[in-house]
N, C-alpha and C. Protein backbone atom coordinates (compact mmCIF):
# COMPACT_ATOMS: atom_id res chain seq x y z
N MET A 1 17.08 67.97 61.06
CA MET A 1 17.18 68.99 62.10
C MET A 1 18.64 69.13 62.54
N PHE A 2 19.12 70.36 62.56
CA PHE A 2 20.49 70.66 62.96
C PHE A 2 20.62 70.57 64.47
N LYS A 3 21.54 69.74 64.94
CA LYS A 3 21.78 69.59 66.36
C LYS A 3 23.21 70.06 66.66
N PRO A 4 23.36 71.26 67.24
CA PRO A 4 24.69 71.80 67.48
C PRO A 4 25.57 70.89 68.33
N PHE A 5 26.83 70.80 67.96
CA PHE A 5 27.86 70.07 68.69
C PHE A 5 27.61 68.56 68.71
N ALA A 6 26.77 68.04 67.81
CA ALA A 6 26.43 66.62 67.80
C ALA A 6 27.46 65.78 67.06
N ASN A 7 28.13 66.36 66.06
CA ASN A 7 29.07 65.58 65.27
C ASN A 7 30.00 66.54 64.52
N ASP A 8 30.90 65.97 63.75
CA ASP A 8 31.84 66.77 62.97
C ASP A 8 31.50 66.78 61.48
N THR A 9 30.27 66.44 61.12
CA THR A 9 29.94 66.28 59.71
C THR A 9 28.81 67.17 59.21
N ASP A 10 27.84 67.52 60.03
CA ASP A 10 26.67 68.26 59.57
C ASP A 10 27.01 69.70 59.21
N VAL A 11 26.33 70.19 58.20
CA VAL A 11 26.43 71.60 57.80
C VAL A 11 25.01 72.10 57.60
N LEU A 12 24.69 73.23 58.21
CA LEU A 12 23.39 73.87 58.02
C LEU A 12 23.61 75.07 57.11
N ASN A 13 22.86 75.13 56.01
CA ASN A 13 22.92 76.26 55.10
C ASN A 13 21.64 77.08 55.24
N ILE A 14 21.80 78.38 55.27
CA ILE A 14 20.67 79.30 55.36
C ILE A 14 20.68 80.17 54.12
N ALA A 15 19.50 80.35 53.51
CA ALA A 15 19.34 81.15 52.29
C ALA A 15 20.24 80.60 51.20
N GLY A 16 20.01 79.36 50.85
CA GLY A 16 20.88 78.69 49.90
C GLY A 16 22.16 78.34 50.62
N ASP A 17 23.23 78.98 50.26
CA ASP A 17 24.47 78.79 51.01
C ASP A 17 25.06 80.14 51.44
N ALA A 18 24.17 81.13 51.65
CA ALA A 18 24.62 82.45 52.07
C ALA A 18 25.30 82.38 53.43
N ILE A 19 24.74 81.60 54.32
CA ILE A 19 25.33 81.36 55.65
C ILE A 19 25.48 79.85 55.81
N SER A 20 26.65 79.43 56.23
CA SER A 20 26.90 78.02 56.51
C SER A 20 27.32 77.88 57.96
N ILE A 21 26.71 76.94 58.65
CA ILE A 21 27.11 76.62 60.01
C ILE A 21 27.62 75.19 59.99
N GLU A 22 28.94 75.06 60.15
CA GLU A 22 29.58 73.75 60.13
C GLU A 22 29.62 73.22 61.56
N ASN A 23 29.08 72.05 61.74
CA ASN A 23 29.01 71.44 63.05
C ASN A 23 30.37 70.89 63.45
N GLY A 24 30.56 70.77 64.74
CA GLY A 24 31.74 70.15 65.32
C GLY A 24 31.41 69.79 66.75
N VAL A 25 32.06 68.79 67.29
CA VAL A 25 31.75 68.41 68.67
C VAL A 25 32.34 69.40 69.67
N LYS A 26 33.39 70.14 69.26
CA LYS A 26 33.99 71.13 70.16
C LYS A 26 33.73 72.57 69.72
N ARG A 27 33.63 72.78 68.41
CA ARG A 27 33.47 74.14 67.88
C ARG A 27 32.55 74.12 66.67
N LEU A 28 31.82 75.21 66.48
CA LEU A 28 31.04 75.42 65.27
C LEU A 28 31.70 76.54 64.49
N THR A 29 31.57 76.49 63.18
CA THR A 29 32.09 77.56 62.35
C THR A 29 30.93 78.16 61.56
N ILE A 30 30.73 79.45 61.73
CA ILE A 30 29.68 80.16 61.00
C ILE A 30 30.37 81.05 59.98
N SER A 31 30.01 80.87 58.72
CA SER A 31 30.64 81.68 57.68
C SER A 31 29.62 82.10 56.64
N GLY A 32 29.91 83.19 55.98
CA GLY A 32 29.04 83.65 54.91
C GLY A 32 28.63 85.10 55.09
N ASP A 33 27.71 85.48 54.24
CA ASP A 33 27.24 86.85 54.21
C ASP A 33 25.75 86.82 53.86
N LEU A 34 24.92 87.26 54.75
CA LEU A 34 23.48 87.18 54.55
C LEU A 34 22.87 88.58 54.61
N THR A 35 22.16 88.93 53.56
CA THR A 35 21.40 90.18 53.54
C THR A 35 19.96 89.84 53.87
N ILE A 36 19.42 90.53 54.86
CA ILE A 36 18.04 90.31 55.26
C ILE A 36 17.22 91.50 54.79
N ALA A 37 16.41 91.26 53.77
CA ALA A 37 15.57 92.32 53.20
C ALA A 37 14.30 92.46 54.03
N ARG A 38 13.68 93.60 53.90
CA ARG A 38 12.42 93.85 54.61
C ARG A 38 11.28 93.31 53.74
N ASP A 39 11.22 91.97 53.65
CA ASP A 39 10.17 91.29 52.91
C ASP A 39 9.99 89.90 53.49
N LYS A 40 9.11 89.11 52.91
CA LYS A 40 8.82 87.79 53.45
C LYS A 40 10.03 86.85 53.35
N ALA A 41 10.79 86.98 52.27
CA ALA A 41 12.00 86.16 52.14
C ALA A 41 13.01 86.55 53.21
N GLY A 42 13.14 87.85 53.49
CA GLY A 42 14.03 88.32 54.55
C GLY A 42 13.59 87.81 55.91
N LEU A 43 12.30 87.81 56.14
CA LEU A 43 11.77 87.27 57.39
C LEU A 43 12.10 85.80 57.53
N ALA A 44 11.94 85.03 56.45
CA ALA A 44 12.24 83.60 56.48
C ALA A 44 13.73 83.37 56.79
N ASN A 45 14.60 84.18 56.18
CA ASN A 45 16.04 84.06 56.45
C ASN A 45 16.37 84.42 57.90
N ALA A 46 15.77 85.49 58.40
CA ALA A 46 16.00 85.91 59.78
C ALA A 46 15.52 84.85 60.77
N LEU A 47 14.37 84.26 60.49
CA LEU A 47 13.84 83.21 61.38
C LEU A 47 14.72 81.97 61.36
N ALA A 48 15.24 81.60 60.19
CA ALA A 48 16.14 80.45 60.11
C ALA A 48 17.42 80.69 60.90
N LEU A 49 17.98 81.89 60.78
CA LEU A 49 19.18 82.24 61.53
C LEU A 49 18.90 82.28 63.03
N HIS A 50 17.77 82.84 63.40
CA HIS A 50 17.36 82.91 64.81
C HIS A 50 17.20 81.51 65.40
N LYS A 51 16.58 80.62 64.65
CA LYS A 51 16.38 79.24 65.11
C LYS A 51 17.71 78.54 65.31
N ALA A 52 18.64 78.71 64.37
CA ALA A 52 19.95 78.06 64.48
C ALA A 52 20.72 78.60 65.69
N LEU A 53 20.76 79.93 65.83
CA LEU A 53 21.48 80.53 66.95
C LEU A 53 20.83 80.17 68.29
N GLY A 54 19.50 80.09 68.31
CA GLY A 54 18.80 79.68 69.53
C GLY A 54 19.17 78.26 69.93
N ALA A 55 19.28 77.36 68.95
CA ALA A 55 19.66 75.98 69.24
C ALA A 55 21.09 75.91 69.78
N ILE A 56 21.98 76.75 69.23
CA ILE A 56 23.36 76.78 69.70
C ILE A 56 23.42 77.27 71.15
N VAL A 57 22.72 78.37 71.43
CA VAL A 57 22.70 78.92 72.80
C VAL A 57 22.10 77.92 73.77
N GLU A 58 21.01 77.28 73.38
CA GLU A 58 20.36 76.29 74.24
C GLU A 58 21.30 75.13 74.54
N SER A 59 22.03 74.67 73.55
CA SER A 59 22.97 73.57 73.74
C SER A 59 24.08 73.97 74.71
N LEU A 60 24.61 75.17 74.54
CA LEU A 60 25.67 75.63 75.44
C LEU A 60 25.16 75.84 76.87
N GLN A 61 23.99 76.44 77.01
CA GLN A 61 23.44 76.67 78.34
C GLN A 61 23.08 75.37 79.05
N GLY A 62 22.75 74.34 78.29
CA GLY A 62 22.36 73.07 78.88
C GLY A 62 23.52 72.16 79.26
N ASP A 63 24.74 72.58 79.00
CA ASP A 63 25.92 71.77 79.29
C ASP A 63 26.48 72.16 80.65
N ALA A 64 26.22 71.33 81.66
CA ALA A 64 26.66 71.63 83.02
C ALA A 64 28.18 71.59 83.16
N SER A 65 28.86 70.87 82.27
CA SER A 65 30.32 70.76 82.37
C SER A 65 31.03 71.67 81.37
N LEU A 66 30.39 72.76 80.98
CA LEU A 66 30.95 73.68 80.01
C LEU A 66 32.21 74.34 80.59
N PRO A 67 33.37 74.18 79.92
CA PRO A 67 34.59 74.80 80.45
C PRO A 67 34.58 76.31 80.22
N ALA A 68 35.42 77.01 80.94
CA ALA A 68 35.54 78.45 80.76
C ALA A 68 36.06 78.78 79.37
N LYS A 69 37.01 77.99 78.86
CA LYS A 69 37.57 78.19 77.53
C LYS A 69 38.24 76.91 77.08
N LEU A 70 38.00 76.54 75.83
CA LEU A 70 38.69 75.39 75.25
C LEU A 70 40.12 75.79 74.91
N PRO A 71 41.04 74.84 74.98
CA PRO A 71 42.40 75.16 74.53
C PRO A 71 42.39 75.43 73.03
N ASP A 72 43.35 76.22 72.58
CA ASP A 72 43.46 76.51 71.15
C ASP A 72 43.76 75.23 70.39
N GLU A 73 43.20 75.12 69.19
CA GLU A 73 43.45 73.95 68.35
C GLU A 73 44.04 74.41 67.04
N PRO A 74 44.74 73.62 66.33
CA PRO A 74 45.20 72.30 66.73
C PRO A 74 46.37 72.40 67.69
N ASN A 75 46.59 71.33 68.41
CA ASN A 75 47.72 71.30 69.33
C ASN A 75 49.01 71.36 68.54
N ALA A 76 50.01 71.98 69.11
CA ALA A 76 51.30 72.05 68.46
C ALA A 76 51.91 70.66 68.40
N PRO A 77 52.53 70.32 67.28
CA PRO A 77 53.14 69.00 67.18
C PRO A 77 54.25 68.85 68.20
N SER A 78 54.38 67.67 68.73
CA SER A 78 55.46 67.42 69.70
C SER A 78 56.51 66.55 69.06
N GLY A 79 57.74 66.76 69.44
CA GLY A 79 58.83 65.94 68.90
C GLY A 79 59.23 66.37 67.50
N THR A 80 60.02 65.53 66.88
CA THR A 80 60.50 65.79 65.53
C THR A 80 60.26 64.57 64.68
N ALA A 81 60.34 64.75 63.38
CA ALA A 81 60.19 63.66 62.44
C ALA A 81 61.32 63.73 61.43
N ASP A 82 61.77 62.58 60.96
CA ASP A 82 62.81 62.56 59.94
C ASP A 82 62.22 63.05 58.62
N ASN A 83 63.03 63.78 57.88
CA ASN A 83 62.61 64.27 56.57
C ASN A 83 62.74 63.12 55.57
N PRO A 84 61.66 62.67 54.96
CA PRO A 84 61.74 61.52 54.04
C PRO A 84 62.37 61.88 52.70
N PHE A 85 62.63 63.17 52.46
CA PHE A 85 63.18 63.60 51.18
C PHE A 85 64.70 63.76 51.20
N ILE A 86 65.32 63.48 52.32
CA ILE A 86 66.79 63.62 52.41
C ILE A 86 67.42 62.26 52.23
């Protein structure tokens, strides 16, 4: 079972790998291209996508300490480093 924001390793694939939802503790990444046909296979794909998005929304709504916006990532490097090739 896919649990949104639970870790940085899980990936949920829908319709084979047409849609991939990569888990992360701070951000999820949804990528792909899914065609939903007007047939039973299309219904199954739509239900899988609906279930995943519902779990994401439920997780976000259930977080009482949800910030208004996360800072952009990755953070800019601070300081300088010596060039090892010189």
